[in-house]
Structures are given as C-alpha cells and as structure tokens.
Amino acid sequence: MVGELLYKKGLTLSIAESCTGGMIAYLITSVPGSSRYFTGSVIAYSNIIKEKILGVRKESIESFGAVSEPVVKEMATGALKLFGTDYSIATSGIAGPDGGTPDKPVGTVWISVASMSGIKAEKFRFGNMRDTNIQKASLTALNMLRKLILNENS
C-alpha cells in the first residue's frame, strides 16, 4: 500500500535503519516496481555510521543515546538530505535479546518518518523476542509513513 501511494503521487522514499537491519528496505524492494519510488537505504548499525553518513550529531548520541527521539529524527533528516527524497523512515532500538537497560528495556524502538514538510517520531516497546521486534518495528514504520503520506496529500 505504501508503494502504491508513493508511485501514484510521484513521490520517493529513503530509509535509515539501525535495529531493523534492512528489513524495511527488504519489505519495500520485495514489491515489483519499487525502483520507481525507492531510492535507497543506509543500515546505520554503528554510531559512527549514524554520524558520518547520516549527519547525526555526536552530542545527540552522547546526551540521549542512540535509541532516542533526537537521534532517530536526525537519522530521518539525514536520509532525506543524503538521498534527496520526498520521504524517509528511520529506526533505532534494542531488538534483543540483550542490550536493554532499566530506562530502555529490550524491545524499545524509536521510529521516525519525515518529509520536507515535517517530522514525526514515536517510541514503542514491542517485547523480548528479537525477530518479532524487528518485524513489528518494520511494519509499524511503514504504517507511520502511510499515515504521513495520507495526511500530507489529502
């Protein structure tokens, strides 16, 4: 459905993924014809890639952590700029089974969707299962993008 919306409206998409590890890009590119609207993605698993490729500020990572609203918003903005697209998605989280903290337990994921008109980010807590967390985060991100496209183009 997201691809259909993008294609019909002549819009483009880029993605910056951390915890989803390319799953969103896989879901997009598994649809024939996705090259008409999908430009590319960065799997920014390390903070260095977040900083050097996507332009995330080191201060944001140090102050808030990689799994945070400021960082995921900077990732989404960085993808928009890097790829020159109309929309972007960014994810950063703790897929599990380890790596959680009391403040950010396993399953905590920040997702951001952005366009040149604005940016939105939400925090989710999906659970303890790595594969399920990756799948839920990916599908949730695509749904957030769908809503943003519909809101901006209605």
N, C-alpha and C. Protein backbone atom coordinates (compact mmCIF):
# COMPACT_ATOMS: atom_id res chain seq x y z
N MET A 1 0.81 -1.20 0.00
CA MET A 1 0.00 0.00 0.00
C MET A 1 0.86 1.27 0.00
N VAL A 2 1.96 1.26 0.77
CA VAL A 2 2.84 2.43 0.81
C VAL A 2 3.44 2.68 -0.57
N GLY A 3 3.90 1.62 -1.21
CA GLY A 3 4.48 1.75 -2.54
C GLY A 3 3.48 2.31 -3.54
N GLU A 4 2.26 1.85 -3.45
CA GLU A 4 1.20 2.33 -4.33
C GLU A 4 0.97 3.83 -4.15
N LEU A 5 0.93 4.26 -2.88
CA LEU A 5 0.75 5.68 -2.59
C LEU A 5 1.90 6.51 -3.15
N LEU A 6 3.12 6.05 -2.91
CA LEU A 6 4.28 6.78 -3.40
C LEU A 6 4.27 6.85 -4.92
N TYR A 7 4.02 5.72 -5.56
CA TYR A 7 4.05 5.67 -7.02
C TYR A 7 2.97 6.55 -7.65
N LYS A 8 1.75 6.43 -7.16
CA LYS A 8 0.64 7.21 -7.72
C LYS A 8 0.86 8.71 -7.57
N LYS A 9 1.53 9.12 -6.51
CA LYS A 9 1.74 10.54 -6.26
C LYS A 9 3.10 11.03 -6.78
N GLY A 10 3.90 10.12 -7.36
CA GLY A 10 5.20 10.50 -7.89
C GLY A 10 6.20 10.89 -6.83
N LEU A 11 6.13 10.22 -5.67
CA LEU A 11 6.98 10.55 -4.53
C LEU A 11 8.07 9.49 -4.34
N THR A 12 9.12 9.87 -3.62
CA THR A 12 10.25 8.97 -3.40
C THR A 12 10.50 8.74 -1.91
N LEU A 13 11.17 7.62 -1.62
CA LEU A 13 11.42 7.20 -0.24
C LEU A 13 12.87 6.76 -0.06
N SER A 14 13.44 7.10 1.09
CA SER A 14 14.73 6.58 1.53
C SER A 14 14.58 6.12 2.97
N ILE A 15 15.51 5.28 3.40
CA ILE A 15 15.41 4.69 4.73
C ILE A 15 16.76 4.70 5.43
N ALA A 16 16.75 4.95 6.73
CA ALA A 16 17.92 4.82 7.59
C ALA A 16 17.55 3.84 8.70
N GLU A 17 18.12 2.66 8.66
CA GLU A 17 17.76 1.61 9.62
C GLU A 17 18.92 1.29 10.55
N SER A 18 18.59 1.11 11.81
CA SER A 18 19.55 0.58 12.76
C SER A 18 19.04 -0.78 13.23
N CYS A 19 18.16 -0.81 14.20
CA CYS A 19 17.72 -2.08 14.79
C CYS A 19 16.97 -2.99 13.83
N THR A 20 16.39 -2.45 12.78
CA THR A 20 15.66 -3.28 11.82
C THR A 20 16.58 -3.88 10.76
N GLY A 21 17.82 -3.45 10.72
CA GLY A 21 18.86 -4.09 9.94
C GLY A 21 18.59 -4.32 8.46
N GLY A 22 17.77 -3.51 7.84
CA GLY A 22 17.47 -3.67 6.42
C GLY A 22 16.12 -4.31 6.13
N MET A 23 15.39 -4.69 7.16
CA MET A 23 14.09 -5.33 6.97
C MET A 23 13.09 -4.43 6.25
N ILE A 24 13.09 -3.14 6.56
CA ILE A 24 12.15 -2.24 5.90
C ILE A 24 12.51 -2.13 4.42
N ALA A 25 13.78 -1.99 4.13
CA ALA A 25 14.21 -1.94 2.72
C ALA A 25 13.85 -3.24 2.01
N TYR A 26 14.00 -4.37 2.69
CA TYR A 26 13.61 -5.65 2.11
C TYR A 26 12.12 -5.67 1.79
N LEU A 27 11.30 -5.23 2.74
CA LEU A 27 9.85 -5.23 2.52
C LEU A 27 9.48 -4.34 1.33
N ILE A 28 10.13 -3.20 1.21
CA ILE A 28 9.86 -2.29 0.09
C ILE A 28 10.29 -2.92 -1.23
N THR A 29 11.51 -3.44 -1.26
CA THR A 29 12.05 -3.94 -2.53
C THR A 29 11.51 -5.32 -2.92
N SER A 30 10.79 -5.97 -2.04
CA SER A 30 10.18 -7.25 -2.40
C SER A 30 8.96 -7.06 -3.30
N VAL A 31 8.53 -5.82 -3.46
CA VAL A 31 7.39 -5.49 -4.32
C VAL A 31 7.91 -5.10 -5.70
N PRO A 32 7.46 -5.79 -6.75
CA PRO A 32 7.90 -5.43 -8.10
C PRO A 32 7.58 -3.97 -8.42
N GLY A 33 8.51 -3.30 -9.07
CA GLY A 33 8.32 -1.90 -9.44
C GLY A 33 8.75 -0.90 -8.39
N SER A 34 9.30 -1.38 -7.27
CA SER A 34 9.67 -0.47 -6.18
C SER A 34 10.77 0.51 -6.58
N SER A 35 11.50 0.20 -7.63
CA SER A 35 12.56 1.13 -8.06
C SER A 35 11.98 2.46 -8.56
N ARG A 36 10.69 2.51 -8.80
CA ARG A 36 10.06 3.76 -9.25
C ARG A 36 9.91 4.77 -8.13
N TYR A 37 9.96 4.31 -6.88
CA TYR A 37 9.79 5.24 -5.76
C TYR A 37 10.82 5.06 -4.65
N PHE A 38 11.52 3.94 -4.60
CA PHE A 38 12.51 3.70 -3.54
C PHE A 38 13.90 4.01 -4.06
N THR A 39 14.56 4.96 -3.41
CA THR A 39 15.87 5.42 -3.83
C THR A 39 17.00 4.60 -3.22
N GLY A 40 16.92 4.31 -1.92
CA GLY A 40 17.97 3.56 -1.26
C GLY A 40 17.88 3.66 0.24
N SER A 41 18.84 2.99 0.89
CA SER A 41 18.84 2.97 2.35
C SER A 41 20.25 2.88 2.88
N VAL A 42 20.36 3.21 4.16
CA VAL A 42 21.60 3.05 4.91
C VAL A 42 21.27 2.20 6.12
N ILE A 43 22.04 1.15 6.33
CA ILE A 43 21.93 0.40 7.58
C ILE A 43 23.00 0.98 8.48
N ALA A 44 22.57 1.85 9.37
CA ALA A 44 23.47 2.58 10.26
C ALA A 44 23.47 1.90 11.63
N TYR A 45 24.05 0.73 11.68
CA TYR A 45 24.04 -0.04 12.91
C TYR A 45 24.98 0.56 13.95
N SER A 46 26.11 1.10 13.51
CA SER A 46 27.05 1.70 14.46
C SER A 46 26.82 3.21 14.54
N ASN A 47 27.21 3.76 15.68
CA ASN A 47 27.08 5.21 15.86
C ASN A 47 27.96 5.98 14.89
N ILE A 48 29.09 5.43 14.52
CA ILE A 48 29.99 6.11 13.58
C ILE A 48 29.30 6.31 12.23
N ILE A 49 28.56 5.31 11.77
CA ILE A 49 27.84 5.44 10.50
C ILE A 49 26.70 6.45 10.65
N LYS A 50 26.03 6.42 11.79
CA LYS A 50 24.98 7.42 12.04
C LYS A 50 25.56 8.82 11.90
N GLU A 51 26.73 9.03 12.47
CA GLU A 51 27.36 10.35 12.44
C GLU A 51 27.92 10.69 11.05
N LYS A 52 28.75 9.81 10.50
CA LYS A 52 29.50 10.14 9.28
C LYS A 52 28.65 10.11 8.01
N ILE A 53 27.69 9.20 7.93
CA ILE A 53 26.89 9.08 6.71
C ILE A 53 25.59 9.88 6.81
N LEU A 54 24.93 9.80 7.98
CA LEU A 54 23.62 10.44 8.13
C LEU A 54 23.68 11.82 8.78
N GLY A 55 24.82 12.20 9.32
CA GLY A 55 24.95 13.53 9.91
C GLY A 55 24.36 13.66 11.30
N VAL A 56 24.18 12.54 11.99
CA VAL A 56 23.70 12.61 13.38
C VAL A 56 24.80 13.26 14.22
N ARG A 57 24.42 14.19 15.04
CA ARG A 57 25.40 14.89 15.88
C ARG A 57 25.90 13.97 17.00
N LYS A 58 27.20 13.95 17.18
CA LYS A 58 27.81 13.14 18.24
C LYS A 58 27.23 13.54 19.60
N GLU A 59 26.96 14.81 19.78
CA GLU A 59 26.41 15.32 21.03
C GLU A 59 25.03 14.71 21.31
N SER A 60 24.24 14.50 20.26
CA SER A 60 22.93 13.88 20.45
C SER A 60 23.07 12.46 20.95
N ILE A 61 23.98 11.71 20.36
CA ILE A 61 24.21 10.32 20.79
C ILE A 61 24.73 10.29 22.22
N GLU A 62 25.69 11.16 22.54
CA GLU A 62 26.27 11.19 23.88
C GLU A 62 25.25 11.63 24.93
N SER A 63 24.42 12.60 24.60
CA SER A 63 23.45 13.13 25.56
C SER A 63 22.23 12.25 25.75
N PHE A 64 21.72 11.67 24.65
CA PHE A 64 20.44 10.96 24.71
C PHE A 64 20.54 9.47 24.44
N GLY A 65 21.66 9.04 23.87
CA GLY A 65 21.83 7.64 23.48
C GLY A 65 21.34 7.43 22.05
N ALA A 66 21.83 6.37 21.42
CA ALA A 66 21.46 6.09 20.04
C ALA A 66 19.97 5.77 19.91
N VAL A 67 19.39 5.21 20.95
CA VAL A 67 17.97 4.87 20.94
C VAL A 67 17.22 6.01 21.62
N SER A 68 16.93 7.04 20.83
CA SER A 68 16.29 8.24 21.39
C SER A 68 15.60 9.02 20.28
N GLU A 69 14.70 9.87 20.70
CA GLU A 69 13.97 10.71 19.75
C GLU A 69 14.89 11.62 18.95
N PRO A 70 15.80 12.37 19.61
CA PRO A 70 16.66 13.25 18.81
C PRO A 70 17.48 12.51 17.76
N VAL A 71 18.03 11.36 18.13
CA VAL A 71 18.88 10.62 17.19
C VAL A 71 18.07 10.08 16.02
N VAL A 72 16.91 9.50 16.29
CA VAL A 72 16.13 8.93 15.19
C VAL A 72 15.60 10.04 14.27
N LYS A 73 15.30 11.19 14.82
CA LYS A 73 14.89 12.32 13.97
C LYS A 73 16.04 12.80 13.10
N GLU A 74 17.24 12.86 13.67
CA GLU A 74 18.41 13.27 12.90
C GLU A 74 18.74 12.23 11.82
N MET A 75 18.51 10.96 12.11
CA MET A 75 18.70 9.91 11.11
C MET A 75 17.74 10.11 9.94
N ALA A 76 16.48 10.37 10.25
CA ALA A 76 15.47 10.57 9.21
C ALA A 76 15.78 11.80 8.36
N THR A 77 16.17 12.88 9.00
CA THR A 77 16.54 14.10 8.30
C THR A 77 17.78 13.86 7.44
N GLY A 78 18.74 13.13 8.00
CA GLY A 78 19.95 12.81 7.25
C GLY A 78 19.66 11.99 6.00
N ALA A 79 18.73 11.03 6.10
CA ALA A 79 18.36 10.22 4.94
C ALA A 79 17.70 11.08 3.87
N LEU A 80 16.81 11.98 4.28
CA LEU A 80 16.18 12.90 3.31
C LEU A 80 17.24 13.67 2.53
N LYS A 81 18.21 14.21 3.25
CA LYS A 81 19.25 15.02 2.62
C LYS A 81 20.18 14.16 1.76
N LEU A 82 20.61 13.03 2.30
CA LEU A 82 21.55 12.16 1.59
C LEU A 82 20.99 11.66 0.27
N PHE A 83 19.74 11.24 0.28
CA PHE A 83 19.13 10.64 -0.91
C PHE A 83 18.29 11.62 -1.72
N GLY A 84 17.97 12.78 -1.16
CA GLY A 84 17.17 13.76 -1.87
C GLY A 84 15.76 13.28 -2.15
N THR A 85 15.16 12.59 -1.19
CA THR A 85 13.82 12.01 -1.38
C THR A 85 12.74 12.88 -0.76
N ASP A 86 11.50 12.53 -1.10
CA ASP A 86 10.35 13.24 -0.53
C ASP A 86 10.06 12.78 0.89
N TYR A 87 10.31 11.51 1.18
CA TYR A 87 10.02 10.91 2.48
C TYR A 87 11.18 10.04 2.94
N SER A 88 11.29 9.89 4.26
CA SER A 88 12.25 8.96 4.82
C SER A 88 11.67 8.30 6.06
N ILE A 89 12.25 7.16 6.37
CA ILE A 89 11.95 6.41 7.59
C ILE A 89 13.27 6.19 8.30
N ALA A 90 13.26 6.25 9.63
CA ALA A 90 14.45 5.90 10.41
C ALA A 90 14.03 5.08 11.63
N THR A 91 14.87 4.10 11.97
CA THR A 91 14.62 3.28 13.16
C THR A 91 15.88 3.16 13.99
N SER A 92 15.71 3.15 15.30
CA SER A 92 16.80 2.88 16.22
C SER A 92 16.20 2.25 17.47
N GLY A 93 16.75 1.12 17.87
CA GLY A 93 16.17 0.45 19.02
C GLY A 93 17.03 -0.67 19.55
N ILE A 94 16.47 -1.38 20.49
CA ILE A 94 17.14 -2.51 21.14
C ILE A 94 16.32 -3.75 20.82
N ALA A 95 16.74 -4.45 19.77
CA ALA A 95 15.98 -5.61 19.30
C ALA A 95 16.07 -6.80 20.26
N GLY A 96 17.19 -6.94 20.95
CA GLY A 96 17.34 -8.03 21.91
C GLY A 96 18.16 -9.17 21.35
N PRO A 97 18.37 -10.20 22.08
CA PRO A 97 17.78 -10.46 23.40
C PRO A 97 18.46 -9.74 24.56
N ASP A 98 19.64 -9.12 24.30
CA ASP A 98 20.29 -8.38 25.37
C ASP A 98 20.48 -6.93 24.92
N GLY A 99 21.15 -6.15 25.75
CA GLY A 99 21.41 -4.75 25.42
C GLY A 99 20.46 -3.78 26.07
N GLY A 100 19.44 -4.28 26.74
CA GLY A 100 18.48 -3.40 27.39
C GLY A 100 19.00 -2.83 28.69
N THR A 101 18.39 -1.76 29.13
CA THR A 101 18.68 -1.13 30.41
C THR A 101 17.34 -0.88 31.11
N PRO A 102 17.37 -0.52 32.38
CA PRO A 102 16.09 -0.19 33.04
C PRO A 102 15.31 0.93 32.33
N ASP A 103 16.02 1.93 31.82
CA ASP A 103 15.37 3.04 31.11
C ASP A 103 14.95 2.66 29.70
N LYS A 104 15.73 1.78 29.07
CA LYS A 104 15.47 1.36 27.69
C LYS A 104 15.55 -0.17 27.62
N PRO A 105 14.47 -0.83 28.02
CA PRO A 105 14.49 -2.29 28.01
C PRO A 105 14.49 -2.86 26.59
N VAL A 106 14.86 -4.12 26.48
CA VAL A 106 14.79 -4.81 25.19
C VAL A 106 13.39 -4.61 24.61
N GLY A 107 13.34 -4.32 23.34
CA GLY A 107 12.07 -4.07 22.65
C GLY A 107 11.75 -2.60 22.50
N THR A 108 12.56 -1.71 23.10
CA THR A 108 12.36 -0.27 22.94
C THR A 108 12.85 0.13 21.56
N VAL A 109 11.99 0.78 20.81
CA VAL A 109 12.33 1.21 19.46
C VAL A 109 11.77 2.62 19.23
N TRP A 110 12.62 3.48 18.70
CA TRP A 110 12.18 4.79 18.23
C TRP A 110 12.08 4.73 16.72
N ILE A 111 10.97 5.22 16.18
CA ILE A 111 10.74 5.26 14.74
C ILE A 111 10.40 6.69 14.36
N SER A 112 11.02 7.15 13.28
CA SER A 112 10.74 8.48 12.77
C SER A 112 10.38 8.40 11.30
N VAL A 113 9.41 9.20 10.90
CA VAL A 113 9.08 9.39 9.48
C VAL A 113 9.19 10.89 9.21
N ALA A 114 9.73 11.21 8.03
CA ALA A 114 9.99 12.62 7.75
C ALA A 114 9.70 12.94 6.29
N SER A 115 9.41 14.21 6.09
CA SER A 115 9.29 14.79 4.76
C SER A 115 9.85 16.20 4.87
N MET A 116 9.89 16.90 3.76
CA MET A 116 10.37 18.29 3.83
C MET A 116 9.38 19.17 4.59
N SER A 117 8.16 18.69 4.77
CA SER A 117 7.14 19.45 5.49
C SER A 117 7.16 19.24 6.99
N GLY A 118 7.78 18.16 7.44
CA GLY A 118 7.79 17.91 8.87
C GLY A 118 8.35 16.55 9.22
N ILE A 119 8.40 16.31 10.51
CA ILE A 119 8.98 15.07 11.02
C ILE A 119 8.20 14.62 12.24
N LYS A 120 8.05 13.31 12.36
CA LYS A 120 7.34 12.74 13.50
C LYS A 120 8.16 11.58 14.03
N ALA A 121 8.16 11.41 15.34
CA ALA A 121 8.85 10.27 15.95
C ALA A 121 7.99 9.72 17.07
N GLU A 122 8.04 8.41 17.22
CA GLU A 122 7.30 7.74 18.29
C GLU A 122 8.16 6.65 18.91
N LYS A 123 7.95 6.43 20.20
CA LYS A 123 8.64 5.36 20.91
C LYS A 123 7.68 4.20 21.10
N PHE A 124 8.21 2.99 20.91
CA PHE A 124 7.43 1.77 21.07
C PHE A 124 8.19 0.80 21.96
N ARG A 125 7.43 -0.07 22.61
CA ARG A 125 8.02 -1.18 23.36
C ARG A 125 7.34 -2.44 22.86
N PHE A 126 8.09 -3.23 22.09
CA PHE A 126 7.49 -4.38 21.42
C PHE A 126 7.60 -5.69 22.18
N GLY A 127 8.60 -5.89 23.01
CA GLY A 127 8.71 -7.15 23.74
C GLY A 127 10.12 -7.68 23.79
N ASN A 128 10.26 -8.99 24.06
CA ASN A 128 11.57 -9.59 24.30
C ASN A 128 12.12 -10.40 23.14
N MET A 129 11.34 -10.61 22.11
CA MET A 129 11.73 -11.50 21.02
C MET A 129 12.35 -10.71 19.86
N ARG A 130 13.62 -10.95 19.58
CA ARG A 130 14.36 -10.20 18.56
C ARG A 130 13.64 -10.18 17.21
N ASP A 131 13.35 -11.34 16.65
CA ASP A 131 12.71 -11.39 15.33
C ASP A 131 11.37 -10.67 15.32
N THR A 132 10.60 -10.85 16.37
CA THR A 132 9.30 -10.18 16.47
C THR A 132 9.47 -8.67 16.56
N ASN A 133 10.47 -8.23 17.33
CA ASN A 133 10.72 -6.79 17.46
C ASN A 133 11.09 -6.17 16.12
N ILE A 134 11.94 -6.85 15.36
CA ILE A 134 12.35 -6.34 14.06
C ILE A 134 11.14 -6.27 13.12
N GLN A 135 10.34 -7.33 13.11
CA GLN A 135 9.17 -7.36 12.24
C GLN A 135 8.15 -6.29 12.64
N LYS A 136 7.84 -6.20 13.93
CA LYS A 136 6.86 -5.20 14.39
C LYS A 136 7.34 -3.78 14.12
N ALA A 137 8.62 -3.52 14.36
CA ALA A 137 9.16 -2.18 14.12
C ALA A 137 9.08 -1.83 12.63
N SER A 138 9.39 -2.79 11.77
CA SER A 138 9.36 -2.55 10.33
C SER A 138 7.95 -2.25 9.85
N LEU A 139 7.00 -3.06 10.27
CA LEU A 139 5.61 -2.85 9.85
C LEU A 139 5.03 -1.57 10.43
N THR A 140 5.39 -1.27 11.67
CA THR A 140 4.92 -0.04 12.31
C THR A 140 5.48 1.18 11.57
N ALA A 141 6.74 1.11 11.18
CA ALA A 141 7.36 2.23 10.45
C ALA A 141 6.64 2.47 9.12
N LEU A 142 6.34 1.40 8.41
CA LEU A 142 5.64 1.54 7.13
C LEU A 142 4.23 2.12 7.33
N ASN A 143 3.58 1.71 8.40
CA ASN A 143 2.25 2.26 8.69
C ASN A 143 2.33 3.74 9.06
N MET A 144 3.35 4.12 9.83
CA MET A 144 3.53 5.54 10.16
C MET A 144 3.75 6.36 8.89
N LEU A 145 4.54 5.81 7.96
CA LEU A 145 4.77 6.51 6.70
C LEU A 145 3.47 6.63 5.91
N ARG A 146 2.70 5.56 5.85
CA ARG A 146 1.41 5.59 5.15
C ARG A 146 0.54 6.72 5.68
N LYS A 147 0.44 6.82 7.00
CA LYS A 147 -0.38 7.88 7.61
C LYS A 147 0.15 9.27 7.27
N LEU A 148 1.47 9.43 7.30
CA LEU A 148 2.06 10.73 6.98
C LEU A 148 1.77 11.12 5.54
N ILE A 149 1.93 10.19 4.62
CA ILE A 149 1.65 10.47 3.21
C ILE A 149 0.20 10.88 3.02
N LEU A 150 -0.71 10.11 3.63
CA LEU A 150 -2.14 10.42 3.50
C LEU A 150 -2.47 11.78 4.11
N ASN A 151 -1.88 12.10 5.25
CA ASN A 151 -2.15 13.39 5.90
C ASN A 151 -1.63 14.56 5.08
N GLU A 152 -0.47 14.39 4.45
CA GLU A 152 0.14 15.49 3.71
C GLU A 152 -0.43 15.64 2.30
N ASN A 153 -1.04 14.59 1.80
CA ASN A 153 -1.50 14.61 0.41
C ASN A 153 -3.01 14.41 0.27
N SER A 154 -3.76 14.79 1.30
CA SER A 154 -5.22 14.61 1.22
C SER A 154 -5.92 15.89 0.79
